[in-house]
PDB file of all heavy atoms in Angstrom:
ATOM      1  N   VAL A   1      -2.398  10.265   5.008  1.00  0.00           N
ATOM      2  CA  VAL A   1      -2.249   9.383   3.904  1.00  0.00           C
ATOM      3  C   VAL A   1      -1.414   8.152   4.249  1.00  0.00           C
ATOM      4  O   VAL A   1      -0.669   8.124   5.226  1.00  0.00           O
ATOM      5  CB  VAL A   1      -1.590  10.147   2.713  1.00  0.00           C
ATOM      6  CG1 VAL A   1      -2.475  11.288   2.279  1.00  0.00           C
ATOM      7  CG2 VAL A   1      -0.174  10.651   3.078  1.00  0.00           C
ATOM      8  N   PHE A   2      -1.593   7.128   3.387  1.00  0.00           N
ATOM      9  CA  PHE A   2      -0.934   5.885   3.588  1.00  0.00           C
ATOM     10  C   PHE A   2      -0.918   5.069   2.340  1.00  0.00           C
ATOM     11  O   PHE A   2      -1.782   5.290   1.449  1.00  0.00           O
ATOM     12  CB  PHE A   2      -1.662   5.056   4.655  1.00  0.00           C
ATOM     13  CG  PHE A   2      -3.195   5.085   4.462  1.00  0.00           C
ATOM     14  CD1 PHE A   2      -3.853   4.084   3.741  1.00  0.00           C
ATOM     15  CD2 PHE A   2      -3.978   6.117   5.049  1.00  0.00           C
ATOM     16  CE1 PHE A   2      -5.219   4.144   3.596  1.00  0.00           C
ATOM     17  CE2 PHE A   2      -5.375   6.176   4.839  1.00  0.00           C
ATOM     18  CZ  PHE A   2      -5.990   5.177   4.111  1.00  0.00           C
ATOM     19  N   VAL A   3       0.086   4.181   2.151  1.00  0.00           N
ATOM     20  CA  VAL A   3       0.072   3.326   1.013  1.00  0.00           C
ATOM     21  C   VAL A   3      -0.900   2.162   1.191  1.00  0.00           C
ATOM     22  O   VAL A   3      -1.536   1.757   0.271  1.00  0.00           O
ATOM     23  CB  VAL A   3       1.551   2.760   0.790  1.00  0.00           C
ATOM     24  CG1 VAL A   3       1.602   1.686  -0.307  1.00  0.00           C
ATOM     25  CG2 VAL A   3       2.504   3.876   0.404  1.00  0.00           C
ATOM     26  N   ASP A   4      -0.957   1.664   2.457  1.00  0.00           N
ATOM     27  CA  ASP A   4      -1.955   0.603   2.785  1.00  0.00           C
ATOM     28  C   ASP A   4      -2.267   0.824   4.234  1.00  0.00           C
ATOM     29  O   ASP A   4      -1.580   1.477   5.013  1.00  0.00           O
ATOM     30  CB  ASP A   4      -1.464  -0.749   2.498  1.00  0.00           C
ATOM     31  CG  ASP A   4      -0.284  -1.210   3.335  1.00  0.00           C
ATOM     32  OD1 ASP A   4       0.551  -0.292   3.704  1.00  0.00           O
ATOM     33  OD2 ASP A   4      -0.136  -2.369   3.626  1.00  0.00           O
ATOM     34  N   ASN A   5      -3.457   0.210   4.657  1.00  0.00           N
ATOM     35  CA  ASN A   5      -3.763   0.197   6.063  1.00  0.00           C
ATOM     36  C   ASN A   5      -4.222  -1.221   6.465  1.00  0.00           C
ATOM     37  O   ASN A   5      -4.279  -2.107   5.615  1.00  0.00           O
ATOM     38  CB  ASN A   5      -4.765   1.304   6.454  1.00  0.00           C
ATOM     39  CG  ASN A   5      -6.216   0.960   6.044  1.00  0.00           C
ATOM     40  OD1 ASN A   5      -6.467   0.020   5.278  1.00  0.00           O
ATOM     41  ND2 ASN A   5      -7.186   1.725   6.552  1.00  0.00           N
ATOM     42  N   HIS A   6      -4.564  -1.407   7.757  1.00  0.00           N
ATOM     43  CA  HIS A   6      -4.914  -2.761   8.242  1.00  0.00           C
ATOM     44  C   HIS A   6      -6.120  -3.368   7.562  1.00  0.00           C
ATOM     45  O   HIS A   6      -6.260  -4.547   7.439  1.00  0.00           O
ATOM     46  CB  HIS A   6      -5.066  -2.698   9.689  1.00  0.00           C
ATOM     47  CG  HIS A   6      -6.318  -2.043  10.147  1.00  0.00           C
ATOM     48  ND1 HIS A   6      -6.410  -0.675  10.305  1.00  0.00           N
ATOM     49  CD2 HIS A   6      -7.555  -2.562  10.546  1.00  0.00           C
ATOM     50  CE1 HIS A   6      -7.630  -0.354  10.690  1.00  0.00           C
ATOM     51  NE2 HIS A   6      -8.372  -1.489  10.846  1.00  0.00           N
ATOM     52  N   ASP A   7      -7.037  -2.456   7.078  1.00  0.00           N
ATOM     53  CA  ASP A   7      -8.237  -2.908   6.330  1.00  0.00           C
ATOM     54  C   ASP A   7      -7.920  -3.241   4.861  1.00  0.00           C
ATOM     55  O   ASP A   7      -8.185  -4.364   4.426  1.00  0.00           O
ATOM     56  CB  ASP A   7      -9.300  -1.737   6.384  1.00  0.00           C
ATOM     57  CG  ASP A   7     -10.274  -1.911   7.546  1.00  0.00           C
ATOM     58  OD1 ASP A   7     -10.645  -3.033   7.892  1.00  0.00           O
ATOM     59  OD2 ASP A   7     -10.636  -0.871   8.148  1.00  0.00           O
ATOM     60  N   ASN A   8      -7.431  -2.229   4.150  1.00  0.00           N
ATOM     61  CA  ASN A   8      -7.370  -2.466   2.714  1.00  0.00           C
ATOM     62  C   ASN A   8      -6.268  -3.419   2.248  1.00  0.00           C
ATOM     63  O   ASN A   8      -6.274  -3.868   1.138  1.00  0.00           O
ATOM     64  CB  ASN A   8      -7.412  -1.132   1.962  1.00  0.00           C
ATOM     65  CG  ASN A   8      -6.091  -0.313   2.059  1.00  0.00           C
ATOM     66  OD1 ASN A   8      -5.082  -0.757   2.626  1.00  0.00           O
ATOM     67  ND2 ASN A   8      -6.192   0.934   1.566  1.00  0.00           N
ATOM     68  N   GLN A   9      -5.309  -3.667   3.153  1.00  0.00           N
ATOM     69  CA  GLN A   9      -4.285  -4.685   2.757  1.00  0.00           C
ATOM     70  C   GLN A   9      -4.934  -6.086   2.798  1.00  0.00           C
ATOM     71  O   GLN A   9      -4.342  -7.041   2.248  1.00  0.00           O
ATOM     72  CB  GLN A   9      -3.103  -4.652   3.684  1.00  0.00           C
ATOM     73  CG  GLN A   9      -3.281  -5.127   5.088  1.00  0.00           C
ATOM     74  CD  GLN A   9      -2.008  -5.192   5.884  1.00  0.00           C
ATOM     75  OE1 GLN A   9      -2.005  -5.843   6.970  1.00  0.00           O
ATOM     76  NE2 GLN A   9      -0.934  -4.537   5.526  1.00  0.00           N
ATOM     77  N   ARG A  10      -6.112  -6.239   3.377  1.00  0.00           N
ATOM     78  CA  ARG A  10      -6.851  -7.479   3.361  1.00  0.00           C
ATOM     79  C   ARG A  10      -8.030  -7.440   2.407  1.00  0.00           C
ATOM     80  O   ARG A  10      -8.846  -8.399   2.424  1.00  0.00           O
ATOM     81  CB  ARG A  10      -7.348  -7.760   4.752  1.00  0.00           C
ATOM     82  CG  ARG A  10      -6.313  -8.067   5.804  1.00  0.00           C
ATOM     83  CD  ARG A  10      -6.780  -8.011   7.228  1.00  0.00           C
ATOM     84  NE  ARG A  10      -5.797  -8.563   8.113  1.00  0.00           N
ATOM     85  CZ  ARG A  10      -4.664  -7.963   8.488  1.00  0.00           C
ATOM     86  NH1 ARG A  10      -4.391  -6.766   8.031  1.00  0.00           N
ATOM     87  NH2 ARG A  10      -3.830  -8.565   9.245  1.00  0.00           N
ATOM     88  N   GLY A  11      -8.169  -6.407   1.659  1.00  0.00           N
ATOM     89  CA  GLY A  11      -9.312  -6.349   0.778  1.00  0.00           C
ATOM     90  C   GLY A  11     -10.567  -5.781   1.423  1.00  0.00           C
ATOM     91  O   GLY A  11     -11.627  -5.721   0.824  1.00  0.00           O
ATOM     92  N   HIS A  12     -10.448  -5.347   2.683  1.00  0.00           N
ATOM     93  CA  HIS A  12     -11.649  -4.737   3.398  1.00  0.00           C
ATOM     94  C   HIS A  12     -11.533  -3.216   3.274  1.00  0.00           C
ATOM     95  O   HIS A  12     -10.486  -2.710   2.934  1.00  0.00           O
ATOM     96  CB  HIS A  12     -11.529  -5.056   4.904  1.00  0.00           C
ATOM     97  CG  HIS A  12     -11.729  -6.517   5.251  1.00  0.00           C
ATOM     98  ND1 HIS A  12     -12.803  -7.023   5.858  1.00  0.00           N
ATOM     99  CD2 HIS A  12     -10.922  -7.568   5.009  1.00  0.00           C
ATOM    100  CE1 HIS A  12     -12.679  -8.351   6.046  1.00  0.00           C
ATOM    101  NE2 HIS A  12     -11.514  -8.677   5.508  1.00  0.00           N
ATOM    102  N   GLY A  13     -12.680  -2.500   3.545  1.00  0.00           N
ATOM    103  CA  GLY A  13     -12.660  -1.097   3.734  1.00  0.00           C
ATOM    104  C   GLY A  13     -11.988  -0.357   2.569  1.00  0.00           C
ATOM    105  O   GLY A  13     -10.877   0.191   2.767  1.00  0.00           O
ATOM    106  N   ALA A  14     -12.576  -0.318   1.391  1.00  0.00           N
ATOM    107  CA  ALA A  14     -12.006   0.315   0.195  1.00  0.00           C
ATOM    108  C   ALA A  14     -10.761  -0.387  -0.275  1.00  0.00           C
ATOM    109  O   ALA A  14      -9.901   0.154  -0.956  1.00  0.00           O
ATOM    110  CB  ALA A  14     -11.651   1.799   0.462  1.00  0.00           C
ATOM    111  N   GLY A  15     -10.625  -1.624   0.038  1.00  0.00           N
ATOM    112  CA  GLY A  15      -9.589  -2.457  -0.449  1.00  0.00           C
ATOM    113  C   GLY A  15      -9.827  -2.802  -1.882  1.00  0.00           C
ATOM    114  O   GLY A  15     -10.928  -3.107  -2.256  1.00  0.00           O
ATOM    115  N   GLY A  16      -8.813  -2.723  -2.703  1.00  0.00           N
ATOM    116  CA  GLY A  16      -8.913  -3.158  -4.118  1.00  0.00           C
ATOM    117  C   GLY A  16      -7.600  -3.813  -4.490  1.00  0.00           C
ATOM    118  O   GLY A  16      -6.595  -3.758  -3.758  1.00  0.00           O
ATOM    119  N   ALA A  17      -7.643  -4.510  -5.645  1.00  0.00           N
ATOM    120  CA  ALA A  17      -6.477  -5.243  -6.065  1.00  0.00           C
ATOM    121  C   ALA A  17      -5.254  -4.314  -6.290  1.00  0.00           C
ATOM    122  O   ALA A  17      -4.127  -4.835  -6.265  1.00  0.00           O
ATOM    123  CB  ALA A  17      -6.823  -6.017  -7.358  1.00  0.00           C
ATOM    124  N   SER A  18      -5.513  -3.076  -6.487  1.00  0.00           N
ATOM    125  CA  SER A  18      -4.377  -2.115  -6.773  1.00  0.00           C
ATOM    126  C   SER A  18      -3.536  -1.807  -5.510  1.00  0.00           C
ATOM    127  O   SER A  18      -2.404  -1.407  -5.589  1.00  0.00           O
ATOM    128  CB  SER A  18      -4.843  -0.789  -7.401  1.00  0.00           C
ATOM    129  OG  SER A  18      -5.506  -0.045  -6.455  1.00  0.00           O
ATOM    130  N   VAL A  19      -4.117  -1.970  -4.313  1.00  0.00           N
ATOM    131  CA  VAL A  19      -3.488  -1.528  -3.051  1.00  0.00           C
ATOM    132  C   VAL A  19      -2.186  -2.364  -2.834  1.00  0.00           C
ATOM    133  O   VAL A  19      -2.216  -3.559  -2.919  1.00  0.00           O
ATOM    134  CB  VAL A  19      -4.436  -1.745  -1.863  1.00  0.00           C
ATOM    135  CG1 VAL A  19      -3.660  -1.495  -0.589  1.00  0.00           C
ATOM    136  CG2 VAL A  19      -5.668  -0.837  -2.000  1.00  0.00           C
ATOM    137  N   LEU A  20      -1.128  -1.606  -2.681  1.00  0.00           N
ATOM    138  CA  LEU A  20       0.216  -2.243  -2.495  1.00  0.00           C
ATOM    139  C   LEU A  20       0.429  -2.606  -1.046  1.00  0.00           C
ATOM    140  O   LEU A  20       0.057  -1.832  -0.167  1.00  0.00           O
ATOM    141  CB  LEU A  20       1.320  -1.387  -3.015  1.00  0.00           C
ATOM    142  CG  LEU A  20       1.444  -1.209  -4.518  1.00  0.00           C
ATOM    143  CD1 LEU A  20       2.332  -0.033  -4.877  1.00  0.00           C
ATOM    144  CD2 LEU A  20       2.058  -2.532  -5.115  1.00  0.00           C
ATOM    145  N   THR A  21       0.988  -3.786  -0.757  1.00  0.00           N
ATOM    146  CA  THR A  21       1.254  -4.187   0.578  1.00  0.00           C
ATOM    147  C   THR A  21       2.611  -4.878   0.675  1.00  0.00           C
ATOM    148  O   THR A  21       3.273  -5.004  -0.363  1.00  0.00           O
ATOM    149  CB  THR A  21       0.160  -5.266   1.022  1.00  0.00           C
ATOM    150  OG1 THR A  21       0.426  -6.483   0.319  1.00  0.00           O
ATOM    151  CG2 THR A  21      -1.232  -4.751   0.761  1.00  0.00           C
ATOM    152  N   PHE A  22       3.001  -5.355   1.808  1.00  0.00           N
ATOM    153  CA  PHE A  22       4.218  -6.022   2.001  1.00  0.00           C
ATOM    154  C   PHE A  22       4.389  -7.358   1.167  1.00  0.00           C
ATOM    155  O   PHE A  22       5.480  -7.800   0.903  1.00  0.00           O
ATOM    156  CB  PHE A  22       4.492  -6.402   3.484  1.00  0.00           C
ATOM    157  CG  PHE A  22       3.526  -7.426   4.013  1.00  0.00           C
ATOM    158  CD1 PHE A  22       3.799  -8.758   3.971  1.00  0.00           C
ATOM    159  CD2 PHE A  22       2.343  -7.020   4.672  1.00  0.00           C
ATOM    160  CE1 PHE A  22       2.914  -9.730   4.439  1.00  0.00           C
ATOM    161  CE2 PHE A  22       1.464  -7.927   5.196  1.00  0.00           C
ATOM    162  CZ  PHE A  22       1.809  -9.309   5.092  1.00  0.00           C
ATOM    163  N   TRP A  23       3.284  -7.861   0.706  1.00  0.00           N
ATOM    164  CA  TRP A  23       3.318  -9.029  -0.156  1.00  0.00           C
ATOM    165  C   TRP A  23       3.947  -8.662  -1.517  1.00  0.00           C
ATOM    166  O   TRP A  23       4.464  -9.562  -2.194  1.00  0.00           O
ATOM    167  CB  TRP A  23       1.911  -9.612  -0.418  1.00  0.00           C
ATOM    168  CG  TRP A  23       1.180 -10.107   0.839  1.00  0.00           C
ATOM    169  CD1 TRP A  23       0.126  -9.540   1.459  1.00  0.00           C
ATOM    170  CD2 TRP A  23       1.459 -11.240   1.582  1.00  0.00           C
ATOM    171  NE1 TRP A  23      -0.299 -10.245   2.516  1.00  0.00           N
ATOM    172  CE2 TRP A  23       0.522 -11.341   2.624  1.00  0.00           C
ATOM    173  CE3 TRP A  23       2.404 -12.305   1.577  1.00  0.00           C
ATOM    174  CZ2 TRP A  23       0.474 -12.345   3.614  1.00  0.00           C
ATOM    175  CZ3 TRP A  23       2.376 -13.307   2.443  1.00  0.00           C
ATOM    176  CH2 TRP A  23       1.454 -13.333   3.502  1.00  0.00           C
ATOM    177  N   ASP A  24       3.906  -7.389  -1.901  1.00  0.00           N
ATOM    178  CA  ASP A  24       4.551  -6.899  -3.117  1.00  0.00           C
ATOM    179  C   ASP A  24       5.722  -6.025  -2.775  1.00  0.00           C
ATOM    180  O   ASP A  24       5.711  -4.805  -3.057  1.00  0.00           O
ATOM    181  CB  ASP A  24       3.513  -6.113  -3.937  1.00  0.00           C
ATOM    182  CG  ASP A  24       2.238  -6.841  -4.180  1.00  0.00           C
ATOM    183  OD1 ASP A  24       2.209  -7.814  -4.956  1.00  0.00           O
ATOM    184  OD2 ASP A  24       1.153  -6.419  -3.613  1.00  0.00           O
ATOM    185  N   ALA A  25       6.722  -6.632  -2.055  1.00  0.00           N
ATOM    186  CA  ALA A  25       7.709  -5.782  -1.396  1.00  0.00           C
ATOM    187  C   ALA A  25       8.445  -4.863  -2.234  1.00  0.00           C
ATOM    188  O   ALA A  25       8.683  -3.686  -1.855  1.00  0.00           O
ATOM    189  CB  ALA A  25       8.687  -6.737  -0.668  1.00  0.00           C
ATOM    190  N   ARG A  26       8.869  -5.221  -3.457  1.00  0.00           N
ATOM    191  CA  ARG A  26       9.632  -4.327  -4.353  1.00  0.00           C
ATOM    192  C   ARG A  26       8.847  -3.128  -4.729  1.00  0.00           C
ATOM    193  O   ARG A  26       9.334  -1.959  -4.608  1.00  0.00           O
ATOM    194  CB  ARG A  26      10.098  -5.106  -5.580  1.00  0.00           C
ATOM    195  CG  ARG A  26      11.098  -4.369  -6.458  1.00  0.00           C
ATOM    196  CD  ARG A  26      11.609  -5.347  -7.488  1.00  0.00           C
ATOM    197  NE  ARG A  26      12.739  -4.735  -8.298  1.00  0.00           N
ATOM    198  CZ  ARG A  26      12.487  -4.157  -9.502  1.00  0.00           C
ATOM    199  NH1 ARG A  26      11.292  -4.048  -9.977  1.00  0.00           N
ATOM    200  NH2 ARG A  26      13.575  -3.610 -10.143  1.00  0.00           N
ATOM    201  N   LEU A  27       7.658  -3.279  -5.201  1.00  0.00           N
ATOM    202  CA  LEU A  27       6.789  -2.136  -5.583  1.00  0.00           C
ATOM    203  C   LEU A  27       6.384  -1.362  -4.360  1.00  0.00           C
ATOM    204  O   LEU A  27       6.266  -0.105  -4.410  1.00  0.00           O
ATOM    205  CB  LEU A  27       5.544  -2.663  -6.362  1.00  0.00           C
ATOM    206  CG  LEU A  27       5.795  -3.333  -7.656  1.00  0.00           C
ATOM    207  CD1 LEU A  27       4.477  -3.757  -8.248  1.00  0.00           C
ATOM    208  CD2 LEU A  27       6.522  -2.415  -8.653  1.00  0.00           C
ATOM    209  N   TYR A  28       6.130  -2.021  -3.252  1.00  0.00           N
ATOM    210  CA  TYR A  28       5.719  -1.379  -2.005  1.00  0.00           C
ATOM    211  C   TYR A  28       6.763  -0.439  -1.521  1.00  0.00           C
ATOM    212  O   TYR A  28       6.447   0.748  -1.155  1.00  0.00           O
ATOM    213  CB  TYR A  28       5.431  -2.467  -0.969  1.00  0.00           C
ATOM    214  CG  TYR A  28       4.842  -1.913   0.351  1.00  0.00           C
ATOM    215  CD1 TYR A  28       3.518  -1.528   0.421  1.00  0.00           C
ATOM    216  CD2 TYR A  28       5.640  -1.836   1.490  1.00  0.00           C
ATOM    217  CE1 TYR A  28       2.972  -1.083   1.559  1.00  0.00           C
ATOM    218  CE2 TYR A  28       5.069  -1.391   2.709  1.00  0.00           C
ATOM    219  CZ  TYR A  28       3.722  -1.009   2.725  1.00  0.00           C
ATOM    220  OH  TYR A  28       3.195  -0.565   3.888  1.00  0.00           O
ATOM    221  N   LYS A  29       8.030  -0.792  -1.544  1.00  0.00           N
ATOM    222  CA  LYS A  29       9.105   0.082  -1.083  1.00  0.00           C
ATOM    223  C   LYS A  29       9.174   1.312  -2.027  1.00  0.00           C
ATOM    224  O   LYS A  29       9.444   2.426  -1.511  1.00  0.00           O
ATOM    225  CB  LYS A  29      10.421  -0.682  -1.005  1.00  0.00           C
ATOM    226  CG  LYS A  29      10.531  -1.616   0.177  1.00  0.00           C
ATOM    227  CD  LYS A  29      11.834  -2.387   0.206  1.00  0.00           C
ATOM    228  CE  LYS A  29      11.932  -3.481  -0.788  1.00  0.00           C
ATOM    229  NZ  LYS A  29      13.167  -4.236  -0.672  1.00  0.00           N
ATOM    230  N   MET A  30       8.960   1.142  -3.312  1.00  0.00           N
ATOM    231  CA  MET A  30       8.980   2.293  -4.208  1.00  0.00           C
ATOM    232  C   MET A  30       7.823   3.262  -3.864  1.00  0.00           C
ATOM    233  O   MET A  30       8.017   4.490  -3.840  1.00  0.00           O
ATOM    234  CB  MET A  30       8.818   1.823  -5.628  1.00  0.00           C
ATOM    235  CG  MET A  30      10.078   1.830  -6.421  1.00  0.00           C
ATOM    236  SD  MET A  30       9.786   1.632  -8.224  1.00  0.00           S
ATOM    237  CE  MET A  30       9.327  -0.047  -8.282  1.00  0.00           C
ATOM    238  N   ALA A  31       6.654   2.729  -3.609  1.00  0.00           N
ATOM    239  CA  ALA A  31       5.492   3.538  -3.270  1.00  0.00           C
ATOM    240  C   ALA A  31       5.716   4.257  -2.020  1.00  0.00           C
ATOM    241  O   ALA A  31       5.399   5.446  -1.824  1.00  0.00           O
ATOM    242  CB  ALA A  31       4.239   2.746  -3.239  1.00  0.00           C
ATOM    243  N   MET A  32       6.283   3.561  -0.945  1.00  0.00           N
ATOM    244  CA  MET A  32       6.610   4.177   0.295  1.00  0.00           C
ATOM    245  C   MET A  32       7.587   5.305   0.143  1.00  0.00           C
ATOM    246  O   MET A  32       7.487   6.358   0.810  1.00  0.00           O
ATOM    247  CB  MET A  32       7.065   3.133   1.294  1.00  0.00           C
ATOM    248  CG  MET A  32       5.981   2.189   1.734  1.00  0.00           C
ATOM    249  SD  MET A  32       4.683   2.942   2.756  1.00  0.00           S
ATOM    250  CE  MET A  32       5.642   3.490   4.155  1.00  0.00           C
ATOM    251  N   GLY A  33       8.673   5.034  -0.660  1.00  0.00           N
ATOM    252  CA  GLY A  33       9.634   6.063  -0.937  1.00  0.00           C
ATOM    253  C   GLY A  33       9.005   7.295  -1.502  1.00  0.00           C
ATOM    254  O   GLY A  33       9.335   8.467  -1.086  1.00  0.00           O
ATOM    255  N   PHE A  34       8.118   7.095  -2.516  1.00  0.00           N
ATOM    256  CA  PHE A  34       7.432   8.289  -3.091  1.00  0.00           C
ATOM    257  C   PHE A  34       6.583   9.046  -2.075  1.00  0.00           C
ATOM    258  O   PHE A  34       6.702  10.250  -1.948  1.00  0.00           O
ATOM    259  CB  PHE A  34       6.565   7.870  -4.288  1.00  0.00           C
ATOM    260  CG  PHE A  34       5.780   8.957  -4.889  1.00  0.00           C
ATOM    261  CD1 PHE A  34       6.363   9.780  -5.861  1.00  0.00           C
ATOM    262  CD2 PHE A  34       4.504   9.218  -4.467  1.00  0.00           C
ATOM    263  CE1 PHE A  34       5.618  10.830  -6.430  1.00  0.00           C
ATOM    264  CE2 PHE A  34       3.773  10.283  -5.014  1.00  0.00           C
ATOM    265  CZ  PHE A  34       4.332  11.108  -5.976  1.00  0.00           C
ATOM    266  N   MET A  35       5.785   8.301  -1.282  1.00  0.00           N
ATOM    267  CA  MET A  35       4.927   8.930  -0.353  1.00  0.00           C
ATOM    268  C   MET A  35       5.688   9.758   0.697  1.00  0.00           C
ATOM    269  O   MET A  35       5.352  10.919   1.008  1.00  0.00           O
ATOM    270  CB  MET A  35       4.046   7.858   0.473  1.00  0.00           C
ATOM    271  CG  MET A  35       3.173   8.474   1.482  1.00  0.00           C
ATOM    272  SD  MET A  35       2.218   7.273   2.479  1.00  0.00           S
ATOM    273  CE  MET A  35       3.492   6.742   3.625  1.00  0.00           C
ATOM    274  N   LEU A  36       6.762   9.155   1.221  1.00  0.00           N
ATOM    275  CA  LEU A  36       7.558   9.809   2.271  1.00  0.00           C
ATOM    276  C   LEU A  36       8.439  10.991   1.763  1.00  0.00           C
ATOM    277  O   LEU A  36       8.732  11.853   2.555  1.00  0.00           O
ATOM    278  CB  LEU A  36       8.384   8.760   3.031  1.00  0.00           C
ATOM    279  CG  LEU A  36       7.580   7.797   3.829  1.00  0.00           C
ATOM    280  CD1 LEU A  36       8.407   6.605   4.244  1.00  0.00           C
ATOM    281  CD2 LEU A  36       6.985   8.478   5.116  1.00  0.00           C
ATOM    282  N   ALA A  37       8.678  10.966   0.458  1.00  0.00           N
ATOM    283  CA  ALA A  37       9.460  12.112  -0.162  1.00  0.00           C
ATOM    284  C   ALA A  37       8.557  13.281  -0.517  1.00  0.00           C
ATOM    285  O   ALA A  37       8.943  14.436  -0.516  1.00  0.00           O
ATOM    286  CB  ALA A  37      10.212  11.638  -1.361  1.00  0.00           C
ATOM    287  N   HIS A  38       7.255  12.936  -0.814  1.00  0.00           N
ATOM    288  CA  HIS A  38       6.353  13.984  -1.341  1.00  0.00           C
ATOM    289  C   HIS A  38       5.679  14.726  -0.203  1.00  0.00           C
ATOM    290  O   HIS A  38       5.356  14.124   0.894  1.00  0.00           O
ATOM    291  CB  HIS A  38       5.233  13.249  -2.173  1.00  0.00           C
ATOM    292  CG  HIS A  38       4.437  14.160  -3.015  1.00  0.00           C
ATOM    293  ND1 HIS A  38       3.344  14.877  -2.537  1.00  0.00           N
ATOM    294  CD2 HIS A  38       4.565  14.445  -4.323  1.00  0.00           C
ATOM    295  CE1 HIS A  38       2.893  15.587  -3.535  1.00  0.00           C
ATOM    296  NE2 HIS A  38       3.616  15.363  -4.657  1.00  0.00           N
TER     297      HIS A  38
END
C-alpha cells in the first residue's frame, strides 16, 4: 500500500484528483501518518 506512487501523483496509472501528494503537504502528512500507524 501507498498514499501515492510515481504514476498516480502525476495523474497516470489510476491517478485521480483525490490522490494526495507532496503538493498537498499538510493533508499528505496526515494521510501518511494514518497509513504508517495502521
